[in-house]
Amino acid sequence: MDIIQLSRHITEHQQWIDTRENSGTRLRLCGNTLSGLNLRGALLKRGQLQGVHLPCCDLSHANLEGACLQDAYLSRTNLYGAKLMGACLRGAHFHGTNLSYADLRGADLRGTDLRNACLLGTLLPEKTWVIYGERYHIQITNGMTLRVGCQEHTLSKWRRFSKEEINNMDGSQALRFYPRLLDILDLFIEEGDRPEWASVGMMPAGSLYPHVAFGTA
């Protein structure tokens, strides 16, 4: 799709929004590749953008409120100050993405990895934290899932893992870290159950608080 076609679709989408769906056409760009385009301030609210490839595009200050960007490729995309409230970003790729001062409140970020995104001033969804400075990258998402390194599971599943299952993830390092991980969950979410084998700390004593945590309680 070239920029002329895209501009026409965006104009029709804006009409669809302005007339409360009575005229115009909803934007549907599912699976399209739109590389390096200037879409600064574009009105893409409630657009259907599943699986869209937007590498190196400028979407700063764009309105993507309620849009579906599930499995979208947003590597090196500029989303500075973008409105993403209530957007579906499930499984989206954020490598090198600029999310500075973007508003993601109410967005679904499950299945994402935000460790390599710029989060300066970003408003993240409730109960979402990106935690740095630990042995593994930790991301608590929407108060529902927890990513540790490349492993993502529900919070309840993380609290039920057997010693063998944790050992299979990363051997003795994972075993030593697991009790601390549960302590971090207790701190950020609420105190919960843990397997009997992990009840006694297996790491050297130290500060429970992670070095850096971006997020919203």
C-alpha atoms as a PDB file:
ATOM      1  CA  MET A   1       0.000   0.000   0.000  1.00  0.00           C
ATOM      2  CA  ASP A   2       1.429   3.409  -0.967  1.00  0.00           C
ATOM      3  CA  ILE A   3       1.078   6.660   0.960  1.00  0.00           C
ATOM      4  CA  ILE A   4      -1.716   7.957  -1.308  1.00  0.00           C
ATOM      5  CA  GLN A   5      -3.881   4.904  -0.691  1.00  0.00           C
ATOM      6  CA  LEU A   6      -3.140   5.054   3.017  1.00  0.00           C
ATOM      7  CA  SER A   7      -4.067   8.748   3.209  1.00  0.00           C
ATOM      8  CA  ARG A   8      -7.397   7.973   1.559  1.00  0.00           C
ATOM      9  CA  HIS A   9      -8.091   5.165   4.028  1.00  0.00           C
ATOM     10  CA  ILE A  10      -7.227   7.416   6.973  1.00  0.00           C
ATOM     11  CA  THR A  11      -9.543  10.156   5.648  1.00  0.00           C
ATOM     12  CA  GLU A  12     -12.395   7.642   5.292  1.00  0.00           C
ATOM     13  CA  HIS A  13     -11.661   6.350   8.792  1.00  0.00           C
ATOM     14  CA  GLN A  14     -11.806   9.850  10.250  1.00  0.00           C
ATOM     15  CA  GLN A  15     -15.203  10.310   8.634  1.00  0.00           C
ATOM     16  CA  TRP A  16     -16.286   6.970  10.142  1.00  0.00           C
ATOM     17  CA  ILE A  17     -15.235   8.223  13.593  1.00  0.00           C
ATOM     18  CA  ASP A  18     -16.713  11.724  13.192  1.00  0.00           C
ATOM     19  CA  THR A  19     -20.104  10.433  12.014  1.00  0.00           C
ATOM     20  CA  ARG A  20     -20.278   7.705  14.658  1.00  0.00           C
ATOM     21  CA  GLU A  21     -20.019   4.964  12.022  1.00  0.00           C
ATOM     22  CA  ASN A  22     -22.800   6.373   9.847  1.00  0.00           C
ATOM     23  CA  SER A  23     -20.513   7.053   6.885  1.00  0.00           C
ATOM     24  CA  GLY A  24     -16.932   6.501   5.869  1.00  0.00           C
ATOM     25  CA  THR A  25     -15.081   3.221   6.387  1.00  0.00           C
ATOM     26  CA  ARG A  26     -13.273   1.782   9.367  1.00  0.00           C
ATOM     27  CA  LEU A  27      -9.512   1.536   8.873  1.00  0.00           C
ATOM     28  CA  ARG A  28      -8.326  -2.031   8.273  1.00  0.00           C
ATOM     29  CA  LEU A  29      -4.618  -2.532   7.676  1.00  0.00           C
ATOM     30  CA  CYS A  30      -4.231  -6.056   9.030  1.00  0.00           C
ATOM     31  CA  GLY A  31      -0.889  -7.561   8.050  1.00  0.00           C
ATOM     32  CA  ASN A  32       0.184  -4.636   5.860  1.00  0.00           C
ATOM     33  CA  THR A  33       3.789  -3.396   5.856  1.00  0.00           C
ATOM     34  CA  LEU A  34       4.139   0.379   6.184  1.00  0.00           C
ATOM     35  CA  SER A  35       7.795   1.127   6.728  1.00  0.00           C
ATOM     36  CA  GLY A  36       9.250   4.531   7.556  1.00  0.00           C
ATOM     37  CA  LEU A  37       6.057   6.540   6.998  1.00  0.00           C
ATOM     38  CA  ASN A  38       5.255   9.885   8.625  1.00  0.00           C
ATOM     39  CA  LEU A  39       1.937   9.374  10.422  1.00  0.00           C
ATOM     40  CA  ARG A  40       2.518  11.987  13.091  1.00  0.00           C
ATOM     41  CA  GLY A  41      -0.764  12.943  14.777  1.00  0.00           C
ATOM     42  CA  ALA A  42      -2.833  10.578  12.615  1.00  0.00           C
ATOM     43  CA  LEU A  43      -6.340   9.659  13.773  1.00  0.00           C
ATOM     44  CA  LEU A  44      -6.297   5.855  13.908  1.00  0.00           C
ATOM     45  CA  LYS A  45      -8.673   5.479  16.823  1.00  0.00           C
ATOM     46  CA  ARG A  46     -10.386   2.038  16.876  1.00  0.00           C
ATOM     47  CA  GLY A  47      -8.549   1.011  13.716  1.00  0.00           C
ATOM     48  CA  GLN A  48      -8.055  -2.661  12.876  1.00  0.00           C
ATOM     49  CA  LEU A  49      -4.262  -3.013  12.687  1.00  0.00           C
ATOM     50  CA  GLN A  50      -3.654  -6.625  13.667  1.00  0.00           C
ATOM     51  CA  GLY A  51      -0.228  -7.856  12.580  1.00  0.00           C
ATOM     52  CA  VAL A  52       0.616  -4.609  10.823  1.00  0.00           C
ATOM     53  CA  HIS A  53       4.321  -3.894  10.272  1.00  0.00           C
ATOM     54  CA  LEU A  54       5.214  -0.307  11.174  1.00  0.00           C
ATOM     55  CA  PRO A  55       9.025  -0.317  11.520  1.00  0.00           C
ATOM     56  CA  CYS A  56      10.633   3.127  11.766  1.00  0.00           C
ATOM     57  CA  CYS A  57       7.289   4.913  11.269  1.00  0.00           C
ATOM     58  CA  ASP A  58       6.613   8.226  12.998  1.00  0.00           C
ATOM     59  CA  LEU A  59       3.364   7.837  14.938  1.00  0.00           C
ATOM     60  CA  SER A  60       4.193  10.464  17.520  1.00  0.00           C
ATOM     61  CA  HIS A  61       1.050  12.033  19.029  1.00  0.00           C
ATOM     62  CA  ALA A  62      -1.129   9.703  16.924  1.00  0.00           C
ATOM     63  CA  ASN A  63      -4.545   8.741  18.290  1.00  0.00           C
ATOM     64  CA  LEU A  64      -4.682   4.941  18.535  1.00  0.00           C
ATOM     65  CA  GLU A  65      -7.222   4.803  21.334  1.00  0.00           C
ATOM     66  CA  GLY A  66      -9.095   1.487  21.292  1.00  0.00           C
ATOM     67  CA  ALA A  67      -7.206   0.314  18.200  1.00  0.00           C
ATOM     68  CA  CYS A  68      -6.369  -3.348  17.705  1.00  0.00           C
ATOM     69  CA  LEU A  69      -2.613  -3.763  17.272  1.00  0.00           C
ATOM     70  CA  GLN A  70      -2.422  -7.384  18.309  1.00  0.00           C
ATOM     71  CA  ASP A  71       0.827  -9.007  17.079  1.00  0.00           C
ATOM     72  CA  ALA A  72       1.839  -5.735  15.406  1.00  0.00           C
ATOM     73  CA  TYR A  73       5.515  -5.137  14.624  1.00  0.00           C
ATOM     74  CA  LEU A  74       6.460  -1.797  16.142  1.00  0.00           C
ATOM     75  CA  SER A  75      10.241  -2.112  16.111  1.00  0.00           C
ATOM     76  CA  ARG A  76      11.918   1.320  16.156  1.00  0.00           C
ATOM     77  CA  THR A  77       8.497   2.941  15.743  1.00  0.00           C
ATOM     78  CA  ASN A  78       8.151   6.423  17.212  1.00  0.00           C
ATOM     79  CA  LEU A  79       5.052   6.464  19.444  1.00  0.00           C
ATOM     80  CA  TYR A  80       6.115   9.493  21.475  1.00  0.00           C
ATOM     81  CA  GLY A  81       3.052  11.010  23.131  1.00  0.00           C
ATOM     82  CA  ALA A  82       0.687   8.656  21.317  1.00  0.00           C
ATOM     83  CA  LYS A  83      -2.762   7.904  22.707  1.00  0.00           C
ATOM     84  CA  LEU A  84      -3.108   4.146  23.149  1.00  0.00           C
ATOM     85  CA  MET A  85      -5.737   4.042  25.893  1.00  0.00           C
ATOM     86  CA  GLY A  86      -7.695   0.801  25.767  1.00  0.00           C
ATOM     87  CA  ALA A  87      -5.753  -0.466  22.748  1.00  0.00           C
ATOM     88  CA  CYS A  88      -5.173  -4.170  22.217  1.00  0.00           C
ATOM     89  CA  LEU A  89      -1.389  -4.570  22.035  1.00  0.00           C
ATOM     90  CA  ARG A  90      -1.355  -8.230  22.910  1.00  0.00           C
ATOM     91  CA  GLY A  91       1.749  -9.921  21.495  1.00  0.00           C
ATOM     92  CA  ALA A  92       2.998  -6.709  19.861  1.00  0.00           C
ATOM     93  CA  HIS A  93       6.738  -6.351  19.227  1.00  0.00           C
ATOM     94  CA  PHE A  94       8.410  -3.340  20.882  1.00  0.00           C
ATOM     95  CA  HIS A  95      12.120  -3.675  20.152  1.00  0.00           C
ATOM     96  CA  GLY A  96      13.610  -0.176  20.147  1.00  0.00           C
ATOM     97  CA  THR A  97      10.145   1.434  20.215  1.00  0.00           C
ATOM     98  CA  ASN A  98       9.853   4.972  21.549  1.00  0.00           C
ATOM     99  CA  LEU A  99       6.895   4.979  23.953  1.00  0.00           C
ATOM    100  CA  SER A 100       7.994   8.114  25.805  1.00  0.00           C
ATOM    101  CA  TYR A 101       5.014  10.000  27.257  1.00  0.00           C
ATOM    102  CA  ALA A 102       2.581   7.674  25.478  1.00  0.00           C
ATOM    103  CA  ASP A 103      -0.685   6.904  27.282  1.00  0.00           C
ATOM    104  CA  LEU A 104      -1.289   3.150  27.514  1.00  0.00           C
ATOM    105  CA  ARG A 105      -3.782   3.196  30.355  1.00  0.00           C
ATOM    106  CA  GLY A 106      -6.292   0.374  29.925  1.00  0.00           C
ATOM    107  CA  ALA A 107      -4.290  -1.226  27.106  1.00  0.00           C
ATOM    108  CA  ASP A 108      -3.855  -5.002  26.929  1.00  0.00           C
ATOM    109  CA  LEU A 109      -0.101  -5.682  26.929  1.00  0.00           C
ATOM    110  CA  ARG A 110      -0.138  -9.397  27.629  1.00  0.00           C
ATOM    111  CA  GLY A 111       2.432 -11.310  25.603  1.00  0.00           C
ATOM    112  CA  THR A 112       4.658  -8.263  25.124  1.00  0.00           C
ATOM    113  CA  ASP A 113       8.265  -7.634  26.115  1.00  0.00           C
ATOM    114  CA  LEU A 114       8.953  -3.987  26.962  1.00  0.00           C
ATOM    115  CA  ARG A 115      12.556  -4.326  28.123  1.00  0.00           C
ATOM    116  CA  ASN A 116      13.986  -2.662  24.979  1.00  0.00           C
ATOM    117  CA  ALA A 117      11.352   0.068  24.642  1.00  0.00           C
ATOM    118  CA  CYS A 118      11.850   3.648  25.835  1.00  0.00           C
ATOM    119  CA  LEU A 119       9.394   4.190  28.712  1.00  0.00           C
ATOM    120  CA  LEU A 120      10.326   7.707  29.807  1.00  0.00           C
ATOM    121  CA  GLY A 121       7.129   9.297  31.133  1.00  0.00           C
ATOM    122  CA  THR A 122       4.980   6.473  29.754  1.00  0.00           C
ATOM    123  CA  LEU A 123       1.601   5.901  31.397  1.00  0.00           C
ATOM    124  CA  LEU A 124       1.318   2.117  31.652  1.00  0.00           C
ATOM    125  CA  PRO A 125      -1.864   0.142  32.392  1.00  0.00           C
ATOM    126  CA  GLU A 126      -2.928  -0.517  35.948  1.00  0.00           C
ATOM    127  CA  LYS A 127      -0.853  -3.198  37.717  1.00  0.00           C
ATOM    128  CA  THR A 128       1.821  -3.190  35.023  1.00  0.00           C
ATOM    129  CA  TRP A 129       5.498  -2.904  35.935  1.00  0.00           C
ATOM    130  CA  VAL A 130       8.759  -3.330  34.031  1.00  0.00           C
ATOM    131  CA  ILE A 131      11.477  -4.198  36.546  1.00  0.00           C
ATOM    132  CA  TYR A 132      15.188  -3.823  35.858  1.00  0.00           C
ATOM    133  CA  GLY A 133      18.299  -4.701  37.826  1.00  0.00           C
ATOM    134  CA  GLU A 134      17.415  -8.293  38.697  1.00  0.00           C
ATOM    135  CA  ARG A 135      19.047 -11.484  37.421  1.00  0.00           C
ATOM    136  CA  TYR A 136      16.256 -11.759  34.831  1.00  0.00           C
ATOM    137  CA  HIS A 137      14.046  -9.237  33.070  1.00  0.00           C
ATOM    138  CA  ILE A 138      10.738  -9.056  34.957  1.00  0.00           C
ATOM    139  CA  GLN A 139       7.473  -7.678  33.623  1.00  0.00           C
ATOM    140  CA  ILE A 140       4.147  -7.839  35.437  1.00  0.00           C
ATOM    141  CA  THR A 141       1.401  -7.125  32.914  1.00  0.00           C
ATOM    142  CA  ASN A 142      -2.166  -6.000  33.566  1.00  0.00           C
ATOM    143  CA  GLY A 143      -1.998  -7.715  36.957  1.00  0.00           C
ATOM    144  CA  MET A 144      -2.539 -10.991  35.100  1.00  0.00           C
ATOM    145  CA  THR A 145       0.713 -12.316  33.656  1.00  0.00           C
ATOM    146  CA  LEU A 146       4.369 -12.326  34.628  1.00  0.00           C
ATOM    147  CA  ARG A 147       7.292 -12.478  32.210  1.00  0.00           C
ATOM    148  CA  VAL A 148      10.645 -13.588  33.588  1.00  0.00           C
ATOM    149  CA  GLY A 149      13.264 -13.614  30.840  1.00  0.00           C
ATOM    150  CA  CYS A 150      11.565 -15.393  27.941  1.00  0.00           C
ATOM    151  CA  GLN A 151       9.020 -17.214  30.115  1.00  0.00           C
ATOM    152  CA  GLU A 152       5.512 -15.741  30.468  1.00  0.00           C
ATOM    153  CA  HIS A 153       2.743 -17.335  32.515  1.00  0.00           C
ATOM    154  CA  THR A 154      -0.195 -16.280  34.645  1.00  0.00           C
ATOM    155  CA  LEU A 155       0.591 -15.083  38.152  1.00  0.00           C
ATOM    156  CA  SER A 156      -1.162 -18.079  39.672  1.00  0.00           C
ATOM    157  CA  LYS A 157       0.846 -20.515  37.563  1.00  0.00           C
ATOM    158  CA  TRP A 158       4.128 -18.907  38.641  1.00  0.00           C
ATOM    159  CA  ARG A 159       3.110 -19.526  42.255  1.00  0.00           C
ATOM    160  CA  ARG A 160       2.503 -23.245  41.656  1.00  0.00           C
ATOM    161  CA  PHE A 161       5.634 -24.352  39.796  1.00  0.00           C
ATOM    162  CA  SER A 162       7.411 -27.447  41.052  1.00  0.00           C
ATOM    163  CA  LYS A 163      11.107 -27.475  41.802  1.00  0.00           C
ATOM    164  CA  GLU A 164      11.680 -29.600  38.700  1.00  0.00           C
ATOM    165  CA  GLU A 165       9.790 -27.161  36.449  1.00  0.00           C
ATOM    166  CA  ILE A 166      11.823 -24.192  37.696  1.00  0.00           C
ATOM    167  CA  ASN A 167      15.047 -26.167  37.345  1.00  0.00           C
ATOM    168  CA  ASN A 168      14.149 -26.932  33.717  1.00  0.00           C
ATOM    169  CA  MET A 169      13.919 -23.202  32.983  1.00  0.00           C
ATOM    170  CA  ASP A 170      17.476 -22.222  33.893  1.00  0.00           C
ATOM    171  CA  GLY A 171      18.942 -24.738  36.297  1.00  0.00           C
ATOM    172  CA  SER A 172      20.337 -23.756  39.672  1.00  0.00           C
ATOM    173  CA  GLN A 173      20.229 -20.025  38.915  1.00  0.00           C
ATOM    174  CA  ALA A 174      16.462 -20.183  38.451  1.00  0.00           C
ATOM    175  CA  LEU A 175      16.075 -22.255  41.603  1.00  0.00           C
ATOM    176  CA  ARG A 176      17.990 -19.699  43.664  1.00  0.00           C
ATOM    177  CA  PHE A 177      16.036 -16.800  42.169  1.00  0.00           C
ATOM    178  CA  TYR A 178      12.531 -18.248  42.409  1.00  0.00           C
ATOM    179  CA  PRO A 179      11.858 -17.406  46.107  1.00  0.00           C
ATOM    180  CA  ARG A 180      12.925 -13.817  45.454  1.00  0.00           C
ATOM    181  CA  LEU A 181      10.621 -13.690  42.440  1.00  0.00           C
ATOM    182  CA  LEU A 182       7.703 -14.682  44.670  1.00  0.00           C
ATOM    183  CA  ASP A 183       8.746 -11.981  47.154  1.00  0.00           C
ATOM    184  CA  ILE A 184       8.623  -9.432  44.319  1.00  0.00           C
ATOM    185  CA  LEU A 185       5.144 -10.637  43.374  1.00  0.00           C
ATOM    186  CA  ASP A 186       4.063 -10.258  47.018  1.00  0.00           C
ATOM    187  CA  LEU A 187       5.430  -6.705  47.013  1.00  0.00           C
ATOM    188  CA  PHE A 188       3.890  -5.487  43.767  1.00  0.00           C
ATOM    189  CA  ILE A 189       0.605  -7.434  43.658  1.00  0.00           C
ATOM    190  CA  GLU A 190      -0.277  -8.988  47.007  1.00  0.00           C
ATOM    191  CA  GLU A 191       0.948 -11.760  49.244  1.00  0.00           C
ATOM    192  CA  GLY A 192       0.044 -15.154  47.882  1.00  0.00           C
ATOM    193  CA  ASP A 193       0.719 -18.852  48.094  1.00  0.00           C
ATOM    194  CA  ARG A 194       4.050 -20.423  47.244  1.00  0.00           C
ATOM    195  CA  PRO A 195       5.222 -24.026  46.954  1.00  0.00           C
ATOM    196  CA  GLU A 196       6.485 -25.556  50.165  1.00  0.00           C
ATOM    197  CA  TRP A 197       9.899 -26.177  48.614  1.00  0.00           C
ATOM    198  CA  ALA A 198      10.308 -22.420  48.018  1.00  0.00           C
ATOM    199  CA  SER A 199       9.120 -21.251  51.428  1.00  0.00           C
ATOM    200  CA  VAL A 200      12.652 -20.875  52.766  1.00  0.00           C
ATOM    201  CA  GLY A 201      14.772 -18.250  51.011  1.00  0.00           C
ATOM    202  CA  MET A 202      17.501 -19.727  48.828  1.00  0.00           C
ATOM    203  CA  MET A 203      19.211 -16.435  47.946  1.00  0.00           C
ATOM    204  CA  PRO A 204      21.552 -14.311  50.044  1.00  0.00           C
ATOM    205  CA  ALA A 205      19.675 -11.705  52.073  1.00  0.00           C
ATOM    206  CA  GLY A 206      19.394  -8.301  50.448  1.00  0.00           C
ATOM    207  CA  SER A 207      17.047  -5.497  49.639  1.00  0.00           C
ATOM    208  CA  LEU A 208      13.713  -6.740  48.337  1.00  0.00           C
ATOM    209  CA  TYR A 209      13.155  -3.631  46.262  1.00  0.00           C
ATOM    210  CA  PRO A 210      14.306  -3.930  42.629  1.00  0.00           C
ATOM    211  CA  HIS A 211      16.775  -1.372  41.343  1.00  0.00           C
ATOM    212  CA  VAL A 212      14.391   0.260  38.830  1.00  0.00           C
ATOM    213  CA  ALA A 213      10.688  -0.307  38.218  1.00  0.00           C
ATOM    214  CA  PHE A 214       8.472   1.507  35.721  1.00  0.00           C
ATOM    215  CA  GLY A 215       4.753   0.996  36.157  1.00  0.00           C
ATOM    216  CA  THR A 216       1.387   1.824  37.641  1.00  0.00           C
ATOM    217  CA  ALA A 217      -0.141   0.434  40.807  1.00  0.00           C
END
